[in-house]
Amino acid sequence: MGPARGRLFRGLQSDLDWGRAPLDLPAGAWLGMMASGLCRLEGPPSAIPSPRPLPVAFVNEIVSDADIDAYELPFEKGKGHWWTRDKERDLYLWGGRGGNPLWDEEIEGRFYLFISGVSLNLAISLGKWSKNWHEKPYVIAWDRLLRLDPIDLGGLDQEYVISVLKEALIAYGRDGWENFNVPDRVVSFGF
């Protein structure tokens, strides 16, 4: 359990837009997001970790043709595919929600998470999301991890993988794009 458990995340999208989400991330992830200006922790001063220089956090961006080649991504060059990337730490997340509510029992998030040269394939069930873009804050709830392959995580530590996944999904927001429609959002996790 990291020291930030149960605290509020305040995600700064611009000087005017704020979002909140209860998270359970290790102090290092919180410090990375705080150092990049993506968030700050609220709570008693003794509960907030001291800021120190850390890598830039995840951002949503269009995948370059060079990155498509370098990471052997299944994207057509020049088509403007989006991913959520932490360039400094060489991490990325791509994918999105999949399924059709007409015949699928459960709509899920299907993603690839790249960490330390290992590509993980995962599925996450959706919790209760806001019904329209005008709700403030817009609620994004990831309920439970349904699949995480390979099972041995390519030798990675499970706690680290989950903390990186949560950090990436916070930046991913509603759709992994620029999140113009939902700058004021709450992201929560049931895992």
C-alpha atoms as a PDB file:
ATOM      1  CA  MET A   1       0.000   0.000   0.000  1.00  0.00           C
ATOM      2  CA  GLY A   2       1.538   3.290  -1.136  1.00  0.00           C
ATOM      3  CA  PRO A   3       1.428   6.382   1.045  1.00  0.00           C
ATOM      4  CA  ALA A   4      -1.073   8.032  -1.301  1.00  0.00           C
ATOM      5  CA  ARG A   5      -3.820   5.426  -0.824  1.00  0.00           C
ATOM      6  CA  GLY A   6      -7.243   7.044  -0.532  1.00  0.00           C
ATOM      7  CA  ARG A   7      -6.008  10.566  -1.297  1.00  0.00           C
ATOM      8  CA  LEU A   8      -7.531  12.726  -3.992  1.00  0.00           C
ATOM      9  CA  PHE A   9      -5.832  13.130  -7.345  1.00  0.00           C
ATOM     10  CA  ARG A  10      -6.167  16.548  -8.879  1.00  0.00           C
ATOM     11  CA  GLY A  11      -5.292  16.322 -12.572  1.00  0.00           C
ATOM     12  CA  LEU A  12      -4.426  19.657 -14.128  1.00  0.00           C
ATOM     13  CA  GLN A  13      -5.458  19.821 -17.764  1.00  0.00           C
ATOM     14  CA  SER A  14      -5.026  23.575 -18.010  1.00  0.00           C
ATOM     15  CA  ASP A  15      -5.037  26.434 -15.560  1.00  0.00           C
ATOM     16  CA  LEU A  16      -8.847  26.216 -15.444  1.00  0.00           C
ATOM     17  CA  ASP A  17      -9.724  22.516 -15.741  1.00  0.00           C
ATOM     18  CA  TRP A  18      -9.504  20.094 -12.810  1.00  0.00           C
ATOM     19  CA  GLY A  19     -10.391  16.428 -12.351  1.00  0.00           C
ATOM     20  CA  ARG A  20     -10.324  14.170  -9.301  1.00  0.00           C
ATOM     21  CA  ALA A  21      -9.874  10.441  -8.792  1.00  0.00           C
ATOM     22  CA  PRO A  22      -9.167   8.226  -5.792  1.00  0.00           C
ATOM     23  CA  LEU A  23      -6.116   6.117  -6.603  1.00  0.00           C
ATOM     24  CA  ASP A  24      -3.763   3.621  -5.064  1.00  0.00           C
ATOM     25  CA  LEU A  25      -0.457   4.444  -6.733  1.00  0.00           C
ATOM     26  CA  PRO A  26       2.995   4.145  -5.192  1.00  0.00           C
ATOM     27  CA  ALA A  27       4.702   7.369  -4.163  1.00  0.00           C
ATOM     28  CA  GLY A  28       6.989   7.248  -7.218  1.00  0.00           C
ATOM     29  CA  ALA A  29       4.050   7.394  -9.619  1.00  0.00           C
ATOM     30  CA  TRP A  30       2.494  10.279  -7.693  1.00  0.00           C
ATOM     31  CA  LEU A  31       5.782  12.137  -7.655  1.00  0.00           C
ATOM     32  CA  GLY A  32       6.221  11.631 -11.402  1.00  0.00           C
ATOM     33  CA  MET A  33       2.781  13.066 -12.116  1.00  0.00           C
ATOM     34  CA  MET A  34       3.328  15.937  -9.688  1.00  0.00           C
ATOM     35  CA  ALA A  35       6.731  16.772 -11.213  1.00  0.00           C
ATOM     36  CA  SER A  36       5.191  16.911 -14.686  1.00  0.00           C
ATOM     37  CA  GLY A  37       2.378  19.202 -13.511  1.00  0.00           C
ATOM     38  CA  LEU A  38      -0.347  16.616 -14.204  1.00  0.00           C
ATOM     39  CA  CYS A  39      -1.485  16.409 -10.627  1.00  0.00           C
ATOM     40  CA  ARG A  40      -1.037  17.400  -7.048  1.00  0.00           C
ATOM     41  CA  LEU A  41      -1.984  15.565  -3.892  1.00  0.00           C
ATOM     42  CA  GLU A  42      -4.358  16.976  -1.348  1.00  0.00           C
ATOM     43  CA  GLY A  43      -4.204  16.108   2.303  1.00  0.00           C
ATOM     44  CA  PRO A  44      -2.292  16.947   5.438  1.00  0.00           C
ATOM     45  CA  PRO A  45       1.238  18.174   4.651  1.00  0.00           C
ATOM     46  CA  SER A  46       2.769  15.184   6.449  1.00  0.00           C
ATOM     47  CA  ALA A  47       0.949  12.795   4.063  1.00  0.00           C
ATOM     48  CA  ILE A  48       2.165  14.397   0.835  1.00  0.00           C
ATOM     49  CA  PRO A  49       5.521  13.105  -0.473  1.00  0.00           C
ATOM     50  CA  SER A  50       8.257  15.670  -1.061  1.00  0.00           C
ATOM     51  CA  PRO A  51       8.531  16.606  -4.746  1.00  0.00           C
ATOM     52  CA  ARG A  52      11.758  15.725  -6.524  1.00  0.00           C
ATOM     53  CA  PRO A  53      12.706  15.725 -10.207  1.00  0.00           C
ATOM     54  CA  LEU A  54      11.249  12.683 -11.938  1.00  0.00           C
ATOM     55  CA  PRO A  55      10.518  11.729 -15.543  1.00  0.00           C
ATOM     56  CA  VAL A  56       7.714  13.355 -17.496  1.00  0.00           C
ATOM     57  CA  ALA A  57       4.434  11.473 -17.084  1.00  0.00           C
ATOM     58  CA  PHE A  58       2.207   9.928 -19.755  1.00  0.00           C
ATOM     59  CA  VAL A  59       0.683  12.081 -22.495  1.00  0.00           C
ATOM     60  CA  ASN A  60      -1.737  11.268 -25.311  1.00  0.00           C
ATOM     61  CA  GLU A  61      -0.146  11.862 -28.702  1.00  0.00           C
ATOM     62  CA  ILE A  62      -0.231  10.746 -32.315  1.00  0.00           C
ATOM     63  CA  VAL A  63       2.185   7.890 -33.011  1.00  0.00           C
ATOM     64  CA  SER A  64       4.986   8.948 -35.356  1.00  0.00           C
ATOM     65  CA  ASP A  65       5.915   6.847 -38.371  1.00  0.00           C
ATOM     66  CA  ALA A  66       9.361   6.349 -36.782  1.00  0.00           C
ATOM     67  CA  ASP A  67       7.728   4.932 -33.628  1.00  0.00           C
ATOM     68  CA  ILE A  68       5.510   2.631 -35.709  1.00  0.00           C
ATOM     69  CA  ASP A  69       8.727   1.172 -37.172  1.00  0.00           C
ATOM     70  CA  ALA A  70      10.729   1.175 -33.921  1.00  0.00           C
ATOM     71  CA  TYR A  71       8.066  -0.623 -31.885  1.00  0.00           C
ATOM     72  CA  GLU A  72       6.698  -2.688 -34.816  1.00  0.00           C
ATOM     73  CA  LEU A  73       3.178  -1.383 -34.175  1.00  0.00           C
ATOM     74  CA  PRO A  74       0.299  -2.668 -36.318  1.00  0.00           C
ATOM     75  CA  PHE A  75      -0.619   0.842 -37.528  1.00  0.00           C
ATOM     76  CA  GLU A  76      -0.699   2.206 -41.053  1.00  0.00           C
ATOM     77  CA  LYS A  77       1.756   5.074 -41.334  1.00  0.00           C
ATOM     78  CA  GLY A  78       0.358   8.574 -41.718  1.00  0.00           C
ATOM     79  CA  LYS A  79      -3.121   7.652 -40.417  1.00  0.00           C
ATOM     80  CA  GLY A  80      -2.913   9.527 -37.111  1.00  0.00           C
ATOM     81  CA  HIS A  81      -3.187   6.684 -34.591  1.00  0.00           C
ATOM     82  CA  TRP A  82      -3.102   7.755 -30.939  1.00  0.00           C
ATOM     83  CA  TRP A  83      -1.284   6.252 -27.987  1.00  0.00           C
ATOM     84  CA  THR A  84      -0.621   7.200 -24.375  1.00  0.00           C
ATOM     85  CA  ARG A  85       3.129   7.472 -23.937  1.00  0.00           C
ATOM     86  CA  ASP A  86       5.780   8.253 -21.374  1.00  0.00           C
ATOM     87  CA  LYS A  87       8.698   8.896 -23.701  1.00  0.00           C
ATOM     88  CA  GLU A  88      11.204   9.498 -20.908  1.00  0.00           C
ATOM     89  CA  ARG A  89      10.643   6.041 -19.364  1.00  0.00           C
ATOM     90  CA  ASP A  90       9.952   4.305 -22.712  1.00  0.00           C
ATOM     91  CA  LEU A  91       6.420   3.202 -21.755  1.00  0.00           C
ATOM     92  CA  TYR A  92       3.264   3.212 -23.830  1.00  0.00           C
ATOM     93  CA  LEU A  93      -0.379   2.157 -23.774  1.00  0.00           C
ATOM     94  CA  TRP A  94      -2.611   1.793 -26.806  1.00  0.00           C
ATOM     95  CA  GLY A  95      -6.013   0.303 -27.402  1.00  0.00           C
ATOM     96  CA  GLY A  96      -9.469   1.261 -26.201  1.00  0.00           C
ATOM     97  CA  ARG A  97     -12.931   0.108 -25.286  1.00  0.00           C
ATOM     98  CA  GLY A  98     -14.168  -2.848 -27.295  1.00  0.00           C
ATOM     99  CA  GLY A  99     -17.369  -4.755 -27.754  1.00  0.00           C
ATOM    100  CA  ASN A 100     -20.930  -4.039 -28.769  1.00  0.00           C
ATOM    101  CA  PRO A 101     -23.602  -3.532 -26.114  1.00  0.00           C
ATOM    102  CA  LEU A 102     -26.169  -5.227 -28.385  1.00  0.00           C
ATOM    103  CA  TRP A 103     -24.590  -8.678 -28.149  1.00  0.00           C
ATOM    104  CA  ASP A 104     -21.593  -8.551 -25.807  1.00  0.00           C
ATOM    105  CA  GLU A 105     -22.362  -9.223 -22.157  1.00  0.00           C
ATOM    106  CA  GLU A 106     -19.551  -6.978 -21.040  1.00  0.00           C
ATOM    107  CA  ILE A 107     -17.857  -4.066 -22.774  1.00  0.00           C
ATOM    108  CA  GLU A 108     -14.193  -3.993 -21.848  1.00  0.00           C
ATOM    109  CA  GLY A 109     -11.049  -1.999 -22.330  1.00  0.00           C
ATOM    110  CA  ARG A 110      -8.559  -3.892 -24.485  1.00  0.00           C
ATOM    111  CA  PHE A 111      -5.029  -2.554 -24.358  1.00  0.00           C
ATOM    112  CA  TYR A 112      -1.367  -3.207 -24.979  1.00  0.00           C
ATOM    113  CA  LEU A 113       1.004  -1.872 -22.341  1.00  0.00           C
ATOM    114  CA  PHE A 114       4.714  -1.710 -23.183  1.00  0.00           C
ATOM    115  CA  ILE A 115       7.109  -1.736 -20.206  1.00  0.00           C
ATOM    116  CA  SER A 116      10.865  -2.435 -20.261  1.00  0.00           C
ATOM    117  CA  GLY A 117      10.755  -4.145 -23.642  1.00  0.00           C
ATOM    118  CA  VAL A 118       7.777  -6.337 -22.666  1.00  0.00           C
ATOM    119  CA  SER A 119       4.426  -5.936 -24.438  1.00  0.00           C
ATOM    120  CA  LEU A 120       1.525  -6.907 -22.177  1.00  0.00           C
ATOM    121  CA  ASN A 121      -1.934  -7.693 -23.546  1.00  0.00           C
ATOM    122  CA  LEU A 122      -4.719  -6.844 -21.116  1.00  0.00           C
ATOM    123  CA  ALA A 123      -8.461  -6.482 -20.757  1.00  0.00           C
ATOM    124  CA  ILE A 124     -10.244  -4.421 -18.101  1.00  0.00           C
ATOM    125  CA  SER A 125     -13.962  -4.422 -17.328  1.00  0.00           C
ATOM    126  CA  LEU A 126     -15.694  -1.072 -17.295  1.00  0.00           C
ATOM    127  CA  GLY A 127     -17.428   0.181 -14.178  1.00  0.00           C
ATOM    128  CA  LYS A 128     -19.984   3.008 -14.167  1.00  0.00           C
ATOM    129  CA  TRP A 129     -19.068   5.722 -16.669  1.00  0.00           C
ATOM    130  CA  SER A 130     -20.822   9.029 -17.198  1.00  0.00           C
ATOM    131  CA  LYS A 131     -23.655   8.895 -19.730  1.00  0.00           C
ATOM    132  CA  ASN A 132     -22.755  12.096 -21.614  1.00  0.00           C
ATOM    133  CA  TRP A 133     -19.813  14.432 -22.144  1.00  0.00           C
ATOM    134  CA  HIS A 134     -21.490  17.333 -20.371  1.00  0.00           C
ATOM    135  CA  GLU A 135     -21.390  15.756 -16.905  1.00  0.00           C
ATOM    136  CA  LYS A 136     -18.939  17.516 -14.601  1.00  0.00           C
ATOM    137  CA  PRO A 137     -16.894  15.778 -13.571  1.00  0.00           C
ATOM    138  CA  TYR A 138     -17.003  13.081 -16.209  1.00  0.00           C
ATOM    139  CA  VAL A 139     -16.685   9.707 -14.442  1.00  0.00           C
ATOM    140  CA  ILE A 140     -14.418   6.974 -15.819  1.00  0.00           C
ATOM    141  CA  ALA A 141     -14.390   3.765 -13.756  1.00  0.00           C
ATOM    142  CA  TRP A 142     -12.193   0.777 -14.552  1.00  0.00           C
ATOM    143  CA  ASP A 143     -13.666  -2.098 -12.550  1.00  0.00           C
ATOM    144  CA  ARG A 144     -11.429  -5.165 -12.637  1.00  0.00           C
ATOM    145  CA  LEU A 145      -8.539  -6.626 -14.563  1.00  0.00           C
ATOM    146  CA  LEU A 146      -9.933  -9.473 -16.686  1.00  0.00           C
ATOM    147  CA  ARG A 147      -6.763 -10.564 -18.483  1.00  0.00           C
ATOM    148  CA  LEU A 148      -3.066  -9.773 -18.266  1.00  0.00           C
ATOM    149  CA  ASP A 149      -0.790 -11.722 -20.637  1.00  0.00           C
ATOM    150  CA  PRO A 150       1.779 -13.093 -20.523  1.00  0.00           C
ATOM    151  CA  ILE A 151       0.875 -14.598 -17.167  1.00  0.00           C
ATOM    152  CA  ASP A 152       4.463 -14.284 -15.899  1.00  0.00           C
ATOM    153  CA  LEU A 153       4.415 -10.584 -16.972  1.00  0.00           C
ATOM    154  CA  GLY A 154       7.666 -11.122 -18.846  1.00  0.00           C
ATOM    155  CA  GLY A 155       9.473 -11.127 -15.508  1.00  0.00           C
ATOM    156  CA  LEU A 156       8.097  -7.726 -14.429  1.00  0.00           C
ATOM    157  CA  ASP A 157       6.882  -7.056 -10.889  1.00  0.00           C
ATOM    158  CA  GLN A 158       3.061  -7.188 -10.752  1.00  0.00           C
ATOM    159  CA  GLU A 159       2.730  -4.215  -8.381  1.00  0.00           C
ATOM    160  CA  TYR A 160       4.896  -2.102 -10.700  1.00  0.00           C
ATOM    161  CA  VAL A 161       2.887  -3.166 -13.784  1.00  0.00           C
ATOM    162  CA  ILE A 162      -0.421  -2.241 -12.087  1.00  0.00           C
ATOM    163  CA  SER A 163       0.917   1.147 -10.944  1.00  0.00           C
ATOM    164  CA  VAL A 164       2.170   1.967 -14.478  1.00  0.00           C
ATOM    165  CA  LEU A 165      -1.163   0.813 -15.938  1.00  0.00           C
ATOM    166  CA  LYS A 166      -3.124   3.086 -13.579  1.00  0.00           C
ATOM    167  CA  GLU A 167      -0.840   6.018 -14.315  1.00  0.00           C
ATOM    168  CA  ALA A 168      -1.306   5.469 -18.078  1.00  0.00           C
ATOM    169  CA  LEU A 169      -5.106   5.125 -17.790  1.00  0.00           C
ATOM    170  CA  ILE A 170      -5.321   8.420 -15.884  1.00  0.00           C
ATOM    171  CA  ALA A 171      -3.685  10.178 -18.835  1.00  0.00           C
ATOM    172  CA  TYR A 172      -5.666   8.056 -21.331  1.00  0.00           C
ATOM    173  CA  GLY A 173      -8.875   9.515 -19.910  1.00  0.00           C
ATOM    174  CA  ARG A 174     -12.017   8.782 -21.894  1.00  0.00           C
ATOM    175  CA  ASP A 175     -10.538   7.886 -25.244  1.00  0.00           C
ATOM    176  CA  GLY A 176      -6.752   8.273 -25.332  1.00  0.00           C
ATOM    177  CA  TRP A 177      -7.009  11.343 -27.517  1.00  0.00           C
ATOM    178  CA  GLU A 178      -6.770  14.924 -26.370  1.00  0.00           C
ATOM    179  CA  ASN A 179      -9.774  14.666 -24.016  1.00  0.00           C
ATOM    180  CA  PHE A 180     -11.107  18.059 -25.153  1.00  0.00           C
ATOM    181  CA  ASN A 181     -14.682  16.959 -24.447  1.00  0.00           C
ATOM    182  CA  VAL A 182     -13.991  15.757 -20.895  1.00  0.00           C
ATOM    183  CA  PRO A 183     -11.198  17.851 -19.366  1.00  0.00           C
ATOM    184  CA  ASP A 184     -12.897  17.680 -15.944  1.00  0.00           C
ATOM    185  CA  ARG A 185     -12.831  13.963 -15.214  1.00  0.00           C
ATOM    186  CA  VAL A 186     -12.624  11.461 -12.378  1.00  0.00           C
ATOM    187  CA  VAL A 187     -10.742   8.215 -13.002  1.00  0.00           C
ATOM    188  CA  SER A 188     -11.145   5.373 -10.496  1.00  0.00           C
ATOM    189  CA  PHE A 189     -10.034   1.762 -10.283  1.00  0.00           C
ATOM    190  CA  GLY A 190     -11.530  -1.354  -8.716  1.00  0.00           C
ATOM    191  CA  PHE A 191      -8.233  -3.251  -8.952  1.00  0.00           C
END
